[in-house]
Amino acid sequence: MQQLNIVKKSKWLGTIFVLSGILLTNLNYYPLNIFLHGTGVVFWTISGYLSKDKAILTNFGFQIPIFLFGILNFVLK
């Protein structure tokens, strides 16, 4: 029961962060968009892992290195 509650909270937090990141991307707020969207991706990856949902885990899990590359690109500039 507790794991289901964590999954639900992770999905909602992930959704809020991902949508905020998308909004900031459209408003051209760089690099905050990458940090917020990346945080949402981590929450969704956790949710996919805990619920054993391979589609969610694959989608969001592969986004993590992409966001890490964007963050490193910003930090190293």
PDB file of N, CA and C in Angstrom:
ATOM      1  N   MET A   1       0.825  -1.201   0.000  1.00  0.00           N
ATOM      2  CA  MET A   1       0.000   0.000   0.000  1.00  0.00           C
ATOM      3  C   MET A   1       0.868   1.263   0.000  1.00  0.00           C
ATOM      4  N   GLN A   2       1.919   1.251   0.812  1.00  0.00           N
ATOM      5  CA  GLN A   2       2.790   2.426   0.877  1.00  0.00           C
ATOM      6  C   GLN A   2       3.507   2.651  -0.442  1.00  0.00           C
ATOM      7  N   GLN A   3       3.903   1.546  -1.115  1.00  0.00           N
ATOM      8  CA  GLN A   3       4.585   1.672  -2.402  1.00  0.00           C
ATOM      9  C   GLN A   3       3.653   2.286  -3.440  1.00  0.00           C
ATOM     10  N   LEU A   4       2.379   1.925  -3.413  1.00  0.00           N
ATOM     11  CA  LEU A   4       1.398   2.506  -4.335  1.00  0.00           C
ATOM     12  C   LEU A   4       1.263   4.001  -4.099  1.00  0.00           C
ATOM     13  N   ASN A   5       1.289   4.420  -2.837  1.00  0.00           N
ATOM     14  CA  ASN A   5       1.213   5.836  -2.497  1.00  0.00           C
ATOM     15  C   ASN A   5       2.440   6.585  -3.014  1.00  0.00           C
ATOM     16  N   ILE A   6       3.620   5.973  -2.900  1.00  0.00           N
ATOM     17  CA  ILE A   6       4.855   6.592  -3.407  1.00  0.00           C
ATOM     18  C   ILE A   6       4.786   6.724  -4.922  1.00  0.00           C
ATOM     19  N   VAL A   7       4.270   5.702  -5.596  1.00  0.00           N
ATOM     20  CA  VAL A   7       4.150   5.733  -7.056  1.00  0.00           C
ATOM     21  C   VAL A   7       3.218   6.863  -7.476  1.00  0.00           C
ATOM     22  N   LYS A   8       2.085   6.982  -6.811  1.00  0.00           N
ATOM     23  CA  LYS A   8       1.124   8.039  -7.162  1.00  0.00           C
ATOM     24  C   LYS A   8       1.726   9.424  -6.955  1.00  0.00           C
ATOM     25  N   LYS A   9       2.406   9.620  -5.823  1.00  0.00           N
ATOM     26  CA  LYS A   9       3.023  10.919  -5.558  1.00  0.00           C
ATOM     27  C   LYS A   9       4.145  11.214  -6.552  1.00  0.00           C
ATOM     28  N   SER A  10       4.926  10.191  -6.899  1.00  0.00           N
ATOM     29  CA  SER A  10       6.017  10.377  -7.869  1.00  0.00           C
ATOM     30  C   SER A  10       5.458  10.779  -9.228  1.00  0.00           C
ATOM     31  N   LYS A  11       4.359  10.158  -9.625  1.00  0.00           N
ATOM     32  CA  LYS A  11       3.750  10.502 -10.917  1.00  0.00           C
ATOM     33  C   LYS A  11       3.269  11.952 -10.929  1.00  0.00           C
ATOM     34  N   TRP A  12       2.603  12.378  -9.865  1.00  0.00           N
ATOM     35  CA  TRP A  12       2.091  13.751  -9.841  1.00  0.00           C
ATOM     36  C   TRP A  12       3.214  14.772  -9.738  1.00  0.00           C
ATOM     37  N   LEU A  13       4.203  14.500  -8.897  1.00  0.00           N
ATOM     38  CA  LEU A  13       5.344  15.413  -8.816  1.00  0.00           C
ATOM     39  C   LEU A  13       6.084  15.458 -10.146  1.00  0.00           C
ATOM     40  N   GLY A  14       6.274  14.297 -10.755  1.00  0.00           N
ATOM     41  CA  GLY A  14       6.928  14.234 -12.054  1.00  0.00           C
ATOM     42  C   GLY A  14       6.174  15.007 -13.113  1.00  0.00           C
ATOM     43  N   THR A  15       4.861  14.877 -13.094  1.00  0.00           N
ATOM     44  CA  THR A  15       4.027  15.599 -14.061  1.00  0.00           C
ATOM     45  C   THR A  15       4.149  17.107 -13.883  1.00  0.00           C
ATOM     46  N   ILE A  16       4.121  17.557 -12.647  1.00  0.00           N
ATOM     47  CA  ILE A  16       4.240  18.995 -12.378  1.00  0.00           C
ATOM     48  C   ILE A  16       5.589  19.517 -12.860  1.00  0.00           C
ATOM     49  N   PHE A  17       6.661  18.793 -12.553  1.00  0.00           N
ATOM     50  CA  PHE A  17       7.993  19.230 -12.968  1.00  0.00           C
ATOM     51  C   PHE A  17       8.171  19.178 -14.486  1.00  0.00           C
ATOM     52  N   VAL A  18       7.690  18.103 -15.118  1.00  0.00           N
ATOM     53  CA  VAL A  18       7.830  17.986 -16.574  1.00  0.00           C
ATOM     54  C   VAL A  18       7.055  19.098 -17.276  1.00  0.00           C
ATOM     55  N   LEU A  19       5.812  19.321 -16.868  1.00  0.00           N
ATOM     56  CA  LEU A  19       5.018  20.377 -17.509  1.00  0.00           C
ATOM     57  C   LEU A  19       5.605  21.763 -17.253  1.00  0.00           C
ATOM     58  N   SER A  20       6.147  21.973 -16.061  1.00  0.00           N
ATOM     59  CA  SER A  20       6.815  23.250 -15.770  1.00  0.00           C
ATOM     60  C   SER A  20       8.044  23.427 -16.662  1.00  0.00           C
ATOM     61  N   GLY A  21       8.808  22.351 -16.846  1.00  0.00           N
ATOM     62  CA  GLY A  21       9.973  22.411 -17.719  1.00  0.00           C
ATOM     63  C   GLY A  21       9.596  22.694 -19.161  1.00  0.00           C
ATOM     64  N   ILE A  22       8.510  22.084 -19.626  1.00  0.00           N
ATOM     65  CA  ILE A  22       8.040  22.332 -20.991  1.00  0.00           C
ATOM     66  C   ILE A  22       7.590  23.781 -21.142  1.00  0.00           C
ATOM     67  N   LEU A  23       6.870  24.289 -20.153  1.00  0.00           N
ATOM     68  CA  LEU A  23       6.435  25.687 -20.194  1.00  0.00           C
ATOM     69  C   LEU A  23       7.638  26.622 -20.246  1.00  0.00           C
ATOM     70  N   LEU A  24       8.619  26.370 -19.393  1.00  0.00           N
ATOM     71  CA  LEU A  24       9.801  27.228 -19.371  1.00  0.00           C
ATOM     72  C   LEU A  24      10.609  27.128 -20.664  1.00  0.00           C
ATOM     73  N   THR A  25      10.582  25.962 -21.297  1.00  0.00           N
ATOM     74  CA  THR A  25      11.240  25.827 -22.599  1.00  0.00           C
ATOM     75  C   THR A  25      10.562  26.724 -23.626  1.00  0.00           C
ATOM     76  N   ASN A  26       9.236  26.732 -23.616  1.00  0.00           N
ATOM     77  CA  ASN A  26       8.493  27.563 -24.559  1.00  0.00           C
ATOM     78  C   ASN A  26       8.650  29.050 -24.263  1.00  0.00           C
ATOM     79  N   LEU A  27       8.931  29.385 -23.011  1.00  0.00           N
ATOM     80  CA  LEU A  27       9.166  30.781 -22.642  1.00  0.00           C
ATOM     81  C   LEU A  27      10.648  31.146 -22.711  1.00  0.00           C
ATOM     82  N   ASN A  28      11.464  30.166 -23.115  1.00  0.00           N
ATOM     83  CA  ASN A  28      12.902  30.355 -23.316  1.00  0.00           C
ATOM     84  C   ASN A  28      13.638  30.719 -22.018  1.00  0.00           C
ATOM     85  N   TYR A  29      13.276  30.028 -20.934  1.00  0.00           N
ATOM     86  CA  TYR A  29      13.980  30.204 -19.659  1.00  0.00           C
ATOM     87  C   TYR A  29      15.005  29.090 -19.501  1.00  0.00           C
ATOM     88  N   TYR A  30      16.184  29.337 -20.025  1.00  0.00           N
ATOM     89  CA  TYR A  30      17.278  28.378 -19.973  1.00  0.00           C
ATOM     90  C   TYR A  30      18.259  28.819 -18.898  1.00  0.00           C
ATOM     91  N   PRO A  31      18.754  27.977 -18.084  1.00  0.00           N
ATOM     92  CA  PRO A  31      18.715  26.524 -17.991  1.00  0.00           C
ATOM     93  C   PRO A  31      17.682  25.997 -17.001  1.00  0.00           C
ATOM     94  N   LEU A  32      16.866  26.868 -16.407  1.00  0.00           N
ATOM     95  CA  LEU A  32      15.891  26.403 -15.416  1.00  0.00           C
ATOM     96  C   LEU A  32      14.981  25.327 -16.003  1.00  0.00           C
ATOM     97  N   ASN A  33      14.658  25.457 -17.290  1.00  0.00           N
ATOM     98  CA  ASN A  33      13.798  24.462 -17.923  1.00  0.00           C
ATOM     99  C   ASN A  33      14.416  23.066 -17.862  1.00  0.00           C
ATOM    100  N   ILE A  34      15.722  22.974 -18.057  1.00  0.00           N
ATOM    101  CA  ILE A  34      16.384  21.668 -18.045  1.00  0.00           C
ATOM    102  C   ILE A  34      16.359  21.062 -16.641  1.00  0.00           C
ATOM    103  N   PHE A  35      16.597  21.888 -15.643  1.00  0.00           N
ATOM    104  CA  PHE A  35      16.613  21.372 -14.273  1.00  0.00           C
ATOM    105  C   PHE A  35      15.224  20.898 -13.830  1.00  0.00           C
ATOM    106  N   LEU A  36      14.188  21.669 -14.139  1.00  0.00           N
ATOM    107  CA  LEU A  36      12.835  21.259 -13.732  1.00  0.00           C
ATOM    108  C   LEU A  36      12.364  20.033 -14.512  1.00  0.00           C
ATOM    109  N   HIS A  37      12.539  20.059 -15.819  1.00  0.00           N
ATOM    110  CA  HIS A  37      12.115  18.927 -16.632  1.00  0.00           C
ATOM    111  C   HIS A  37      12.899  17.671 -16.239  1.00  0.00           C
ATOM    112  N   GLY A  38      14.194  17.819 -16.017  1.00  0.00           N
ATOM    113  CA  GLY A  38      15.021  16.682 -15.602  1.00  0.00           C
ATOM    114  C   GLY A  38      14.592  16.107 -14.265  1.00  0.00           C
ATOM    115  N   THR A  39      14.189  16.968 -13.336  1.00  0.00           N
ATOM    116  CA  THR A  39      13.682  16.491 -12.044  1.00  0.00           C
ATOM    117  C   THR A  39      12.413  15.679 -12.237  1.00  0.00           C
ATOM    118  N   GLY A  40      11.534  16.160 -13.104  1.00  0.00           N
ATOM    119  CA  GLY A  40      10.312  15.414 -13.411  1.00  0.00           C
ATOM    120  C   GLY A  40      10.596  14.060 -14.025  1.00  0.00           C
ATOM    121  N   VAL A  41      11.600  14.008 -14.877  1.00  0.00           N
ATOM    122  CA  VAL A  41      11.996  12.745 -15.503  1.00  0.00           C
ATOM    123  C   VAL A  41      12.473  11.749 -14.448  1.00  0.00           C
ATOM    124  N   VAL A  42      13.212  12.231 -13.467  1.00  0.00           N
ATOM    125  CA  VAL A  42      13.679  11.342 -12.395  1.00  0.00           C
ATOM    126  C   VAL A  42      12.488  10.788 -11.604  1.00  0.00           C
ATOM    127  N   PHE A  43      11.517  11.646 -11.280  1.00  0.00           N
ATOM    128  CA  PHE A  43      10.328  11.171 -10.559  1.00  0.00           C
ATOM    129  C   PHE A  43       9.567  10.127 -11.379  1.00  0.00           C
ATOM    130  N   TRP A  44       9.419  10.354 -12.677  1.00  0.00           N
ATOM    131  CA  TRP A  44       8.724   9.389 -13.522  1.00  0.00           C
ATOM    132  C   TRP A  44       9.513   8.091 -13.653  1.00  0.00           C
ATOM    133  N   THR A  45      10.828   8.167 -13.686  1.00  0.00           N
ATOM    134  CA  THR A  45      11.645   6.960 -13.753  1.00  0.00           C
ATOM    135  C   THR A  45      11.479   6.134 -12.482  1.00  0.00           C
ATOM    136  N   ILE A  46      11.472   6.795 -11.339  1.00  0.00           N
ATOM    137  CA  ILE A  46      11.237   6.102 -10.067  1.00  0.00           C
ATOM    138  C   ILE A  46       9.869   5.431 -10.076  1.00  0.00           C
ATOM    139  N   SER A  47       8.876   6.151 -10.543  1.00  0.00           N
ATOM    140  CA  SER A  47       7.523   5.608 -10.630  1.00  0.00           C
ATOM    141  C   SER A  47       7.480   4.375 -11.525  1.00  0.00           C
ATOM    142  N   GLY A  48       8.127   4.452 -12.683  1.00  0.00           N
ATOM    143  CA  GLY A  48       8.158   3.306 -13.589  1.00  0.00           C
ATOM    144  C   GLY A  48       8.870   2.109 -12.991  1.00  0.00           C
ATOM    145  N   TYR A  49       9.940   2.363 -12.271  1.00  0.00           N
ATOM    146  CA  TYR A  49      10.687   1.284 -11.625  1.00  0.00           C
ATOM    147  C   TYR A  49       9.852   0.606 -10.539  1.00  0.00           C
ATOM    148  N   LEU A  50       9.241   1.409  -9.682  1.00  0.00           N
ATOM    149  CA  LEU A  50       8.464   0.837  -8.573  1.00  0.00           C
ATOM    150  C   LEU A  50       7.220   0.098  -9.053  1.00  0.00           C
ATOM    151  N   SER A  51       6.606   0.584 -10.118  1.00  0.00           N
ATOM    152  CA  SER A  51       5.395  -0.073 -10.630  1.00  0.00           C
ATOM    153  C   SER A  51       5.723  -1.129 -11.682  1.00  0.00           C
ATOM    154  N   LYS A  52       7.008  -1.307 -11.978  1.00  0.00           N
ATOM    155  CA  LYS A  52       7.473  -2.283 -12.968  1.00  0.00           C
ATOM    156  C   LYS A  52       6.836  -2.039 -14.337  1.00  0.00           C
ATOM    157  N   ASP A  53       6.664  -0.777 -14.682  1.00  0.00           N
ATOM    158  CA  ASP A  53       6.106  -0.381 -15.977  1.00  0.00           C
ATOM    159  C   ASP A  53       7.266  -0.122 -16.935  1.00  0.00           C
ATOM    160  N   LYS A  54       7.510  -1.087 -17.799  1.00  0.00           N
ATOM    161  CA  LYS A  54       8.680  -1.022 -18.673  1.00  0.00           C
ATOM    162  C   LYS A  54       8.605   0.120 -19.685  1.00  0.00           C
ATOM    163  N   ALA A  55       7.415   0.457 -20.139  1.00  0.00           N
ATOM    164  CA  ALA A  55       7.279   1.547 -21.111  1.00  0.00           C
ATOM    165  C   ALA A  55       7.669   2.883 -20.483  1.00  0.00           C
ATOM    166  N   ILE A  56       7.162   3.150 -19.280  1.00  0.00           N
ATOM    167  CA  ILE A  56       7.502   4.401 -18.586  1.00  0.00           C
ATOM    168  C   ILE A  56       8.983   4.401 -18.232  1.00  0.00           C
ATOM    169  N   LEU A  57       9.474   3.290 -17.730  1.00  0.00           N
ATOM    170  CA  LEU A  57      10.881   3.200 -17.346  1.00  0.00           C
ATOM    171  C   LEU A  57      11.795   3.421 -18.546  1.00  0.00           C
ATOM    172  N   THR A  58      11.447   2.860 -19.682  1.00  0.00           N
ATOM    173  CA  THR A  58      12.255   3.041 -20.894  1.00  0.00           C
ATOM    174  C   THR A  58      12.204   4.483 -21.369  1.00  0.00           C
ATOM    175  N   ASN A  59      11.003   5.035 -21.463  1.00  0.00           N
ATOM    176  CA  ASN A  59      10.842   6.407 -21.956  1.00  0.00           C
ATOM    177  C   ASN A  59      11.611   7.401 -21.101  1.00  0.00           C
ATOM    178  N   PHE A  60      11.341   7.400 -19.823  1.00  0.00           N
ATOM    179  CA  PHE A  60      11.941   8.404 -18.955  1.00  0.00           C
ATOM    180  C   PHE A  60      13.365   8.038 -18.545  1.00  0.00           C
ATOM    181  N   GLY A  61      13.657   6.745 -18.445  1.00  0.00           N
ATOM    182  CA  GLY A  61      15.002   6.330 -18.086  1.00  0.00           C
ATOM    183  C   GLY A  61      16.038   6.767 -19.114  1.00  0.00           C
ATOM    184  N   PHE A  62      15.674   6.703 -20.385  1.00  0.00           N
ATOM    185  CA  PHE A  62      16.602   7.124 -21.431  1.00  0.00           C
ATOM    186  C   PHE A  62      16.700   8.650 -21.546  1.00  0.00           C
ATOM    187  N   GLN A  63      15.780   9.366 -20.942  1.00  0.00           N
ATOM    188  CA  GLN A  63      15.868  10.821 -20.954  1.00  0.00           C
ATOM    189  C   GLN A  63      16.878  11.341 -19.937  1.00  0.00           C
ATOM    190  N   ILE A  64      17.150  10.570 -18.896  1.00  0.00           N
ATOM    191  CA  ILE A  64      18.076  11.013 -17.856  1.00  0.00           C
ATOM    192  C   ILE A  64      19.454  11.363 -18.420  1.00  0.00           C
ATOM    193  N   PRO A  65      20.079  10.482 -19.233  1.00  0.00           N
ATOM    194  CA  PRO A  65      21.385  10.875 -19.772  1.00  0.00           C
ATOM    195  C   PRO A  65      21.313  12.092 -20.694  1.00  0.00           C
ATOM    196  N   ILE A  66      20.199  12.256 -21.377  1.00  0.00           N
ATOM    197  CA  ILE A  66      20.044  13.420 -22.254  1.00  0.00           C
ATOM    198  C   ILE A  66      20.032  14.701 -21.427  1.00  0.00           C
ATOM    199  N   PHE A  67      19.305  14.692 -20.333  1.00  0.00           N
ATOM    200  CA  PHE A  67      19.271  15.871 -19.468  1.00  0.00           C
ATOM    201  C   PHE A  67      20.612  16.081 -18.767  1.00  0.00           C
ATOM    202  N   LEU A  68      21.277  14.999 -18.386  1.00  0.00           N
ATOM    203  CA  LEU A  68      22.609  15.144 -17.784  1.00  0.00           C
ATOM    204  C   LEU A  68      23.575  15.788 -18.775  1.00  0.00           C
ATOM    205  N   PHE A  69      23.471  15.418 -20.041  1.00  0.00           N
ATOM    206  CA  PHE A  69      24.307  16.035 -21.071  1.00  0.00           C
ATOM    207  C   PHE A  69      24.011  17.531 -21.168  1.00  0.00           C
ATOM    208  N   GLY A  70      22.724  17.904 -21.124  1.00  0.00           N
ATOM    209  CA  GLY A  70      22.349  19.319 -21.174  1.00  0.00           C
ATOM    210  C   GLY A  70      22.858  20.088 -19.968  1.00  0.00           C
ATOM    211  N   ILE A  71      22.778  19.480 -18.797  1.00  0.00           N
ATOM    212  CA  ILE A  71      23.264  20.133 -17.575  1.00  0.00           C
ATOM    213  C   ILE A  71      24.785  20.285 -17.625  1.00  0.00           C
ATOM    214  N   LEU A  72      25.472  19.224 -18.041  1.00  0.00           N
ATOM    215  CA  LEU A  72      26.932  19.310 -18.165  1.00  0.00           C
ATOM    216  C   LEU A  72      27.337  20.355 -19.199  1.00  0.00           C
ATOM    217  N   ASN A  73      26.603  20.417 -20.279  1.00  0.00           N
ATOM    218  CA  ASN A  73      26.879  21.430 -21.312  1.00  0.00           C
ATOM    219  C   ASN A  73      26.759  22.838 -20.728  1.00  0.00           C
ATOM    220  N   PHE A  74      25.757  23.062 -19.889  1.00  0.00           N
ATOM    221  CA  PHE A  74      25.570  24.367 -19.262  1.00  0.00           C
ATOM    222  C   PHE A  74      26.693  24.652 -18.252  1.00  0.00           C
ATOM    223  N   VAL A  75      27.025  23.677 -17.421  1.00  0.00           N
ATOM    224  CA  VAL A  75      28.024  23.868 -16.369  1.00  0.00           C
ATOM    225  C   VAL A  75      29.415  24.091 -16.948  1.00  0.00           C
ATOM    226  N   LEU A  76      29.750  23.382 -18.006  1.00  0.00           N
ATOM    227  CA  LEU A  76      31.108  23.457 -18.563  1.00  0.00           C
ATOM    228  C   LEU A  76      31.328  24.634 -19.508  1.00  0.00           C
ATOM    229  N   LYS A  77      30.279  25.374 -19.820  1.00  0.00           N
ATOM    230  CA  LYS A  77      30.427  26.534 -20.719  1.00  0.00           C
ATOM    231  C   LYS A  77      31.071  27.685 -20.011  1.00  0.00           C
TER     232      LYS A  77
END
